[in-house]
Structures are given as structure tokens and as C-alpha cells.
């Protein structure tokens, strides 16, 4: 594994800081589905902790928010 350069790390920090500011709401259906996913993961691996699941949800949320923001930005540019 190679080390990340300072420019890359600064870009990641900026991305995470911006993603934290975007709204993020889960529907009741999505919350239920996530609960089912957690239960299935625990059945498969008893060491899969709520903390690990929370970490994955956090990263997923950042990715979703970032993709949504990118999509909106590209839509404003009328790129097709």
C-alpha cells in the first residue's frame, strides 16, 4: 500500500468536511432495510459490531452525499 500525498489527504479532508454539512435523512423503509442488513451481517460474522456497522454507514453516507452533490453540480453545468 502506498502512502497518500499531502495534496490527496487535503482533498479527502475537504470532501469529508463538505459532506458532513449536506443534509442526510433516512426513510423509515431504508432504516428497516439497514436493520435487516445488520442482522444478516451479525449472523454471518458474530464479531461484526454495531460500531463497525456505524462506520460503514458513515462512509456510505459521505459517498451518497458526495455523489448527489456531484450530480447536482454537473446538472447545473448542463453536461450531457
PDB file of N, CA and C in Angstrom:
ATOM      1  N   UNK A   1       0.839  -1.171   0.000  1.00  0.00           N
ATOM      2  CA  UNK A   1       0.000   0.000   0.000  1.00  0.00           C
ATOM      3  C   UNK A   1       0.889   1.241   0.000  1.00  0.00           C
ATOM      4  N   UNK A   2       0.599   2.166  -0.878  1.00  0.00           N
ATOM      5  CA  UNK A   2       1.388   3.386  -0.938  1.00  0.00           C
ATOM      6  C   UNK A   2       0.772   4.473  -0.081  1.00  0.00           C
ATOM      7  N   UNK A   3       1.632   5.341   0.424  1.00  0.00           N
ATOM      8  CA  UNK A   3       1.164   6.453   1.249  1.00  0.00           C
ATOM      9  C   UNK A   3       0.512   7.515   0.365  1.00  0.00           C
ATOM     10  N   UNK A   4      -0.475   8.169   0.915  1.00  0.00           N
ATOM     11  CA  UNK A   4      -1.142   9.247   0.192  1.00  0.00           C
ATOM     12  C   UNK A   4      -0.360  10.537   0.380  1.00  0.00           C
ATOM     13  N   UNK A   5      -0.281  11.309  -0.662  1.00  0.00           N
ATOM     14  CA  UNK A   5       0.411  12.590  -0.588  1.00  0.00           C
ATOM     15  C   UNK A   5      -0.410  13.620   0.171  1.00  0.00           C
ATOM     16  N   UNK A   6       0.241  14.707   0.561  1.00  0.00           N
ATOM     17  CA  UNK A   6      -0.457  15.729   1.348  1.00  0.00           C
ATOM     18  C   UNK A   6      -1.580  16.389   0.543  1.00  0.00           C
ATOM     19  N   UNK A   7      -1.406  16.563  -0.769  1.00  0.00           N
ATOM     20  CA  UNK A   7      -2.487  17.132  -1.585  1.00  0.00           C
ATOM     21  C   UNK A   7      -3.710  16.218  -1.596  1.00  0.00           C
ATOM     22  N   UNK A   8      -3.482  14.922  -1.716  1.00  0.00           N
ATOM     23  CA  UNK A   8      -4.583  13.959  -1.719  1.00  0.00           C
ATOM     24  C   UNK A   8      -5.277  13.950  -0.365  1.00  0.00           C
ATOM     25  N   UNK A   9      -4.514  13.951   0.698  1.00  0.00           N
ATOM     26  CA  UNK A   9      -5.103  13.964   2.041  1.00  0.00           C
ATOM     27  C   UNK A   9      -5.907  15.240   2.275  1.00  0.00           C
ATOM     28  N   UNK A  10      -5.409  16.373   1.817  1.00  0.00           N
ATOM     29  CA  UNK A  10      -6.159  17.626   1.969  1.00  0.00           C
ATOM     30  C   UNK A  10      -7.453  17.585   1.170  1.00  0.00           C
ATOM     31  N   UNK A  11      -7.421  16.988  -0.010  1.00  0.00           N
ATOM     32  CA  UNK A  11      -8.632  16.852  -0.819  1.00  0.00           C
ATOM     33  C   UNK A  11      -9.653  15.973  -0.106  1.00  0.00           C
ATOM     34  N   UNK A  12      -9.196  14.884   0.488  1.00  0.00           N
ATOM     35  CA  UNK A  12     -10.088  13.990   1.226  1.00  0.00           C
ATOM     36  C   UNK A  12     -10.685  14.718   2.420  1.00  0.00           C
ATOM     37  N   UNK A  13      -9.866  15.465   3.142  1.00  0.00           N
ATOM     38  CA  UNK A  13     -10.366  16.219   4.304  1.00  0.00           C
ATOM     39  C   UNK A  13     -11.425  17.237   3.880  1.00  0.00           C
ATOM     40  N   UNK A  14     -11.187  17.918   2.771  1.00  0.00           N
ATOM     41  CA  UNK A  14     -12.141  18.896   2.267  1.00  0.00           C
ATOM     42  C   UNK A  14     -13.451  18.220   1.888  1.00  0.00           C
ATOM     43  N   UNK A  15     -13.346  17.079   1.213  1.00  0.00           N
ATOM     44  CA  UNK A  15     -14.529  16.322   0.798  1.00  0.00           C
ATOM     45  C   UNK A  15     -15.353  15.893   2.010  1.00  0.00           C
ATOM     46  N   UNK A  16     -14.690  15.337   3.016  1.00  0.00           N
ATOM     47  CA  UNK A  16     -15.394  14.863   4.210  1.00  0.00           C
ATOM     48  C   UNK A  16     -16.041  16.038   4.945  1.00  0.00           C
ATOM     49  N   UNK A  17     -15.339  17.148   5.063  1.00  0.00           N
ATOM     50  CA  UNK A  17     -15.896  18.318   5.737  1.00  0.00           C
ATOM     51  C   UNK A  17     -17.128  18.832   5.000  1.00  0.00           C
ATOM     52  N   UNK A  18     -17.069  18.874   3.681  1.00  0.00           N
ATOM     53  CA  UNK A  18     -18.220  19.335   2.895  1.00  0.00           C
ATOM     54  C   UNK A  18     -19.373  18.347   2.995  1.00  0.00           C
ATOM     55  N   UNK A  19     -19.080  17.058   2.937  1.00  0.00           N
ATOM     56  CA  UNK A  19     -20.130  16.035   3.005  1.00  0.00           C
ATOM     57  C   UNK A  19     -20.859  16.069   4.338  1.00  0.00           C
ATOM     58  N   UNK A  20     -20.150  16.390   5.408  1.00  0.00           N
ATOM     59  CA  UNK A  20     -20.786  16.462   6.727  1.00  0.00           C
ATOM     60  C   UNK A  20     -21.840  17.563   6.791  1.00  0.00           C
ATOM     61  N   UNK A  21     -21.707  18.582   5.965  1.00  0.00           N
ATOM     62  CA  UNK A  21     -22.620  19.714   6.000  1.00  0.00           C
ATOM     63  C   UNK A  21     -23.902  19.478   5.199  1.00  0.00           C
ATOM     64  N   UNK A  22     -23.898  18.487   4.320  1.00  0.00           N
ATOM     65  CA  UNK A  22     -25.063  18.224   3.482  1.00  0.00           C
ATOM     66  C   UNK A  22     -26.140  17.482   4.267  1.00  0.00           C
ATOM     67  N   UNK A  23     -27.413  17.747   3.958  1.00  0.00           N
ATOM     68  CA  UNK A  23     -28.491  17.047   4.673  1.00  0.00           C
ATOM     69  C   UNK A  23     -28.511  15.559   4.343  1.00  0.00           C
ATOM     70  N   UNK A  24     -28.901  14.770   5.314  1.00  0.00           N
ATOM     71  CA  UNK A  24     -28.930  13.322   5.145  1.00  0.00           C
ATOM     72  C   UNK A  24     -30.075  12.774   5.974  1.00  0.00           C
ATOM     73  N   UNK A  25     -31.083  12.235   5.314  1.00  0.00           N
ATOM     74  CA  UNK A  25     -32.267  11.725   6.003  1.00  0.00           C
ATOM     75  C   UNK A  25     -32.566  10.321   5.492  1.00  0.00           C
ATOM     76  N   UNK A  26     -32.822   9.412   6.412  1.00  0.00           N
ATOM     77  CA  UNK A  26     -33.209   8.050   6.047  1.00  0.00           C
ATOM     78  C   UNK A  26     -34.714   7.895   6.171  1.00  0.00           C
ATOM     79  N   UNK A  27     -35.308   7.292   5.168  1.00  0.00           N
ATOM     80  CA  UNK A  27     -36.732   6.984   5.258  1.00  0.00           C
ATOM     81  C   UNK A  27     -36.920   5.824   6.236  1.00  0.00           C
ATOM     82  N   UNK A  28     -38.136   5.630   6.674  1.00  0.00           N
ATOM     83  CA  UNK A  28     -38.423   4.528   7.590  1.00  0.00           C
ATOM     84  C   UNK A  28     -38.122   3.185   6.923  1.00  0.00           C
ATOM     85  N   UNK A  29     -38.457   3.070   5.637  1.00  0.00           N
ATOM     86  CA  UNK A  29     -38.178   1.834   4.889  1.00  0.00           C
ATOM     87  C   UNK A  29     -36.686   1.554   4.814  1.00  0.00           C
ATOM     88  N   UNK A  30     -35.900   2.616   4.573  1.00  0.00           N
ATOM     89  CA  UNK A  30     -34.454   2.440   4.480  1.00  0.00           C
ATOM     90  C   UNK A  30     -33.874   2.052   5.835  1.00  0.00           C
ATOM     91  N   UNK A  31     -34.366   2.647   6.905  1.00  0.00           N
ATOM     92  CA  UNK A  31     -33.898   2.307   8.246  1.00  0.00           C
ATOM     93  C   UNK A  31     -34.183   0.836   8.551  1.00  0.00           C
ATOM     94  N   UNK A  32     -35.350   0.370   8.139  1.00  0.00           N
ATOM     95  CA  UNK A  32     -35.708  -1.042   8.331  1.00  0.00           C
ATOM     96  C   UNK A  32     -34.783  -1.957   7.536  1.00  0.00           C
ATOM     97  N   UNK A  33     -34.514  -1.569   6.304  1.00  0.00           N
ATOM     98  CA  UNK A  33     -33.620  -2.365   5.454  1.00  0.00           C
ATOM     99  C   UNK A  33     -32.214  -2.416   6.046  1.00  0.00           C
ATOM    100  N   UNK A  34     -31.732  -1.307   6.568  1.00  0.00           N
ATOM    101  CA  UNK A  34     -30.408  -1.285   7.191  1.00  0.00           C
ATOM    102  C   UNK A  34     -30.371  -2.160   8.431  1.00  0.00           C
ATOM    103  N   UNK A  35     -31.441  -2.166   9.188  1.00  0.00           N
ATOM    104  CA  UNK A  35     -31.512  -3.030  10.360  1.00  0.00           C
ATOM    105  C   UNK A  35     -31.429  -4.495   9.936  1.00  0.00           C
ATOM    106  N   UNK A  36     -32.137  -4.841   8.880  1.00  0.00           N
ATOM    107  CA  UNK A  36     -32.085  -6.213   8.360  1.00  0.00           C
ATOM    108  C   UNK A  36     -30.682  -6.571   7.888  1.00  0.00           C
ATOM    109  N   UNK A  37     -30.013  -5.611   7.241  1.00  0.00           N
ATOM    110  CA  UNK A  37     -28.637  -5.843   6.774  1.00  0.00           C
ATOM    111  C   UNK A  37     -27.700  -6.100   7.950  1.00  0.00           C
ATOM    112  N   UNK A  38     -27.881  -5.324   9.021  1.00  0.00           N
ATOM    113  CA  UNK A  38     -27.034  -5.511  10.193  1.00  0.00           C
ATOM    114  C   UNK A  38     -27.260  -6.886  10.807  1.00  0.00           C
ATOM    115  N   UNK A  39     -28.509  -7.293  10.925  1.00  0.00           N
ATOM    116  CA  UNK A  39     -28.827  -8.608  11.493  1.00  0.00           C
ATOM    117  C   UNK A  39     -28.211  -9.709  10.645  1.00  0.00           C
ATOM    118  N   UNK A  40     -28.310  -9.596   9.327  1.00  0.00           N
ATOM    119  CA  UNK A  40     -27.724 -10.605   8.437  1.00  0.00           C
ATOM    120  C   UNK A  40     -26.201 -10.640   8.571  1.00  0.00           C
ATOM    121  N   UNK A  41     -25.586  -9.475   8.698  1.00  0.00           N
ATOM    122  CA  UNK A  41     -24.130  -9.422   8.855  1.00  0.00           C
ATOM    123  C   UNK A  41     -23.700 -10.063  10.171  1.00  0.00           C
ATOM    124  N   UNK A  42     -24.469  -9.841  11.223  1.00  0.00           N
ATOM    125  CA  UNK A  42     -24.155 -10.441  12.531  1.00  0.00           C
ATOM    126  C   UNK A  42     -24.309 -11.960  12.501  1.00  0.00           C
ATOM    127  N   UNK A  43     -25.291 -12.445  11.763  1.00  0.00           N
ATOM    128  CA  UNK A  43     -25.464 -13.901  11.643  1.00  0.00           C
ATOM    129  C   UNK A  43     -24.257 -14.520  10.951  1.00  0.00           C
ATOM    130  N   UNK A  44     -23.749 -13.823   9.960  1.00  0.00           N
ATOM    131  CA  UNK A  44     -22.610 -14.325   9.191  1.00  0.00           C
ATOM    132  C   UNK A  44     -21.296 -14.205   9.959  1.00  0.00           C
ATOM    133  N   UNK A  45     -21.155 -13.117  10.718  1.00  0.00           N
ATOM    134  CA  UNK A  45     -19.912 -12.862  11.453  1.00  0.00           C
ATOM    135  C   UNK A  45     -20.261 -12.261  12.805  1.00  0.00           C
ATOM    136  N   UNK A  46     -20.188 -13.070  13.855  1.00  0.00           N
ATOM    137  CA  UNK A  46     -20.576 -12.619  15.196  1.00  0.00           C
ATOM    138  C   UNK A  46     -19.691 -11.501  15.721  1.00  0.00           C
ATOM    139  N   UNK A  47     -18.521 -11.300  15.115  1.00  0.00           N
ATOM    140  CA  UNK A  47     -17.645 -10.220  15.569  1.00  0.00           C
ATOM    141  C   UNK A  47     -17.999  -8.882  14.919  1.00  0.00           C
ATOM    142  N   UNK A  48     -18.961  -8.903  13.991  1.00  0.00           N
ATOM    143  CA  UNK A  48     -19.386  -7.659  13.328  1.00  0.00           C
ATOM    144  C   UNK A  48     -20.145  -6.814  14.338  1.00  0.00           C
ATOM    145  N   UNK A  49     -19.533  -5.728  14.770  1.00  0.00           N
ATOM    146  CA  UNK A  49     -20.073  -4.921  15.868  1.00  0.00           C
ATOM    147  C   UNK A  49     -20.948  -3.773  15.369  1.00  0.00           C
ATOM    148  N   UNK A  50     -21.768  -3.237  16.273  1.00  0.00           N
ATOM    149  CA  UNK A  50     -22.540  -2.041  15.919  1.00  0.00           C
ATOM    150  C   UNK A  50     -21.628  -0.877  15.512  1.00  0.00           C
ATOM    151  N   UNK A  51     -20.454  -0.797  16.136  1.00  0.00           N
ATOM    152  CA  UNK A  51     -19.506   0.264  15.796  1.00  0.00           C
ATOM    153  C   UNK A  51     -19.013   0.122  14.360  1.00  0.00           C
ATOM    154  N   UNK A  52     -18.713  -1.107  13.944  1.00  0.00           N
ATOM    155  CA  UNK A  52     -18.258  -1.354  12.575  1.00  0.00           C
ATOM    156  C   UNK A  52     -19.378  -1.021  11.584  1.00  0.00           C
ATOM    157  N   UNK A  53     -20.598  -1.390  11.929  1.00  0.00           N
ATOM    158  CA  UNK A  53     -21.730  -1.081  11.068  1.00  0.00           C
ATOM    159  C   UNK A  53     -21.912   0.433  10.958  1.00  0.00           C
ATOM    160  N   UNK A  54     -21.776   1.126  12.071  1.00  0.00           N
ATOM    161  CA  UNK A  54     -21.891   2.579  12.079  1.00  0.00           C
ATOM    162  C   UNK A  54     -20.821   3.223  11.204  1.00  0.00           C
ATOM    163  N   UNK A  55     -19.599   2.701  11.276  1.00  0.00           N
ATOM    164  CA  UNK A  55     -18.521   3.216  10.420  1.00  0.00           C
ATOM    165  C   UNK A  55     -18.885   3.055   8.945  1.00  0.00           C
ATOM    166  N   UNK A  56     -19.418   1.909   8.597  1.00  0.00           N
ATOM    167  CA  UNK A  56     -19.803   1.670   7.201  1.00  0.00           C
ATOM    168  C   UNK A  56     -20.944   2.592   6.779  1.00  0.00           C
ATOM    169  N   UNK A  57     -21.897   2.823   7.664  1.00  0.00           N
ATOM    170  CA  UNK A  57     -22.988   3.731   7.354  1.00  0.00           C
ATOM    171  C   UNK A  57     -22.480   5.157   7.151  1.00  0.00           C
ATOM    172  N   UNK A  58     -21.535   5.558   7.984  1.00  0.00           N
ATOM    173  CA  UNK A  58     -20.965   6.900   7.866  1.00  0.00           C
ATOM    174  C   UNK A  58     -20.272   7.078   6.522  1.00  0.00           C
ATOM    175  N   UNK A  59     -19.444   6.113   6.147  1.00  0.00           N
ATOM    176  CA  UNK A  59     -18.755   6.187   4.862  1.00  0.00           C
ATOM    177  C   UNK A  59     -19.754   6.166   3.714  1.00  0.00           C
ATOM    178  N   UNK A  60     -20.753   5.310   3.815  1.00  0.00           N
ATOM    179  CA  UNK A  60     -21.785   5.250   2.776  1.00  0.00           C
ATOM    180  C   UNK A  60     -22.521   6.575   2.646  1.00  0.00           C
ATOM    181  N   UNK A  61     -22.811   7.191   3.773  1.00  0.00           N
ATOM    182  CA  UNK A  61     -23.477   8.489   3.759  1.00  0.00           C
ATOM    183  C   UNK A  61     -22.635   9.549   3.077  1.00  0.00           C
ATOM    184  N   UNK A  62     -21.331   9.559   3.379  1.00  0.00           N
ATOM    185  CA  UNK A  62     -20.425  10.503   2.723  1.00  0.00           C
ATOM    186  C   UNK A  62     -20.407  10.272   1.216  1.00  0.00           C
ATOM    187  N   UNK A  63     -20.335   9.016   0.819  1.00  0.00           N
ATOM    188  CA  UNK A  63     -20.296   8.706  -0.610  1.00  0.00           C
ATOM    189  C   UNK A  63     -21.599   9.123  -1.288  1.00  0.00           C
ATOM    190  N   UNK A  64     -22.719   8.849  -0.640  1.00  0.00           N
ATOM    191  CA  UNK A  64     -24.011   9.225  -1.205  1.00  0.00           C
ATOM    192  C   UNK A  64     -24.131  10.733  -1.348  1.00  0.00           C
ATOM    193  N   UNK A  65     -23.779  11.440  -0.278  1.00  0.00           N
ATOM    194  CA  UNK A  65     -23.888  12.894  -0.312  1.00  0.00           C
ATOM    195  C   UNK A  65     -22.951  13.479  -1.361  1.00  0.00           C
ATOM    196  N   UNK A  66     -21.755  12.936  -1.447  1.00  0.00           N
ATOM    197  CA  UNK A  66     -20.804  13.431  -2.438  1.00  0.00           C
ATOM    198  C   UNK A  66     -21.287  13.178  -3.851  1.00  0.00           C
ATOM    199  N   UNK A  67     -21.830  11.996  -4.092  1.00  0.00           N
ATOM    200  CA  UNK A  67     -22.344  11.673  -5.424  1.00  0.00           C
ATOM    201  C   UNK A  67     -23.539  12.555  -5.762  1.00  0.00           C
ATOM    202  N   UNK A  68     -24.394  12.809  -4.782  1.00  0.00           N
ATOM    203  CA  UNK A  68     -25.552  13.672  -5.007  1.00  0.00           C
ATOM    204  C   UNK A  68     -25.113  15.100  -5.332  1.00  0.00           C
ATOM    205  N   UNK A  69     -24.127  15.592  -4.602  1.00  0.00           N
ATOM    206  CA  UNK A  69     -23.633  16.946  -4.847  1.00  0.00           C
ATOM    207  C   UNK A  69     -22.965  17.034  -6.213  1.00  0.00           C
ATOM    208  N   UNK A  70     -22.204  16.007  -6.572  1.00  0.00           N
ATOM    209  CA  UNK A  70     -21.553  15.986  -7.880  1.00  0.00           C
ATOM    210  C   UNK A  70     -22.591  15.951  -8.985  1.00  0.00           C
ATOM    211  N   UNK A  71     -23.618  15.131  -8.818  1.00  0.00           N
ATOM    212  CA  UNK A  71     -24.679  15.043  -9.802  1.00  0.00           C
ATOM    213  C   UNK A  71     -25.369  16.398  -9.984  1.00  0.00           C
ATOM    214  N   UNK A  72     -25.642  17.063  -8.869  1.00  0.00           N
ATOM    215  CA  UNK A  72     -26.289  18.378  -8.926  1.00  0.00           C
ATOM    216  C   UNK A  72     -25.381  19.395  -9.622  1.00  0.00           C
ATOM    217  N   UNK A  73     -24.100  19.349  -9.303  1.00  0.00           N
ATOM    218  CA  UNK A  73     -23.154  20.296  -9.917  1.00  0.00           C
ATOM    219  C   UNK A  73     -23.058  20.056 -11.415  1.00  0.00           C
ATOM    220  N   UNK A  74     -23.006  18.807 -11.814  1.00  0.00           N
ATOM    221  CA  UNK A  74     -22.939  18.504 -13.252  1.00  0.00           C
ATOM    222  C   UNK A  74     -24.227  18.890 -13.949  1.00  0.00           C
ATOM    223  N   UNK A  75     -25.342  18.745 -13.264  1.00  0.00           N
ATOM    224  CA  UNK A  75     -26.628  19.140 -13.842  1.00  0.00           C
ATOM    225  C   UNK A  75     -26.694  20.640 -14.068  1.00  0.00           C
ATOM    226  N   UNK A  76     -26.105  21.396 -13.153  1.00  0.00           N
ATOM    227  CA  UNK A  76     -26.072  22.856 -13.312  1.00  0.00           C
ATOM    228  C   UNK A  76     -25.217  23.279 -14.495  1.00  0.00           C
ATOM    229  N   UNK A  77     -24.247  22.449 -14.838  1.00  0.00           N
ATOM    230  CA  UNK A  77     -23.370  22.767 -15.975  1.00  0.00           C
ATOM    231  C   UNK A  77     -23.963  22.317 -17.306  1.00  0.00           C
ATOM    232  N   UNK A  78     -25.105  21.633 -17.243  1.00  0.00           N
ATOM    233  CA  UNK A  78     -25.767  21.105 -18.449  1.00  0.00           C
ATOM    234  C   UNK A  78     -24.837  20.214 -19.262  1.00  0.00           C
ATOM    235  N   UNK A  79     -24.088  19.369 -18.588  1.00  0.00           N
ATOM    236  CA  UNK A  79     -23.223  18.412 -19.286  1.00  0.00           C
ATOM    237  C   UNK A  79     -24.022  17.168 -19.596  1.00  0.00           C
ATOM    238  N   UNK A  80     -24.041  16.785 -20.871  1.00  0.00           N
ATOM    239  CA  UNK A  80     -24.803  15.600 -21.238  1.00  0.00           C
ATOM    240  C   UNK A  80     -23.974  14.702 -22.115  1.00  0.00           C
TER     241      UNK A  80
END
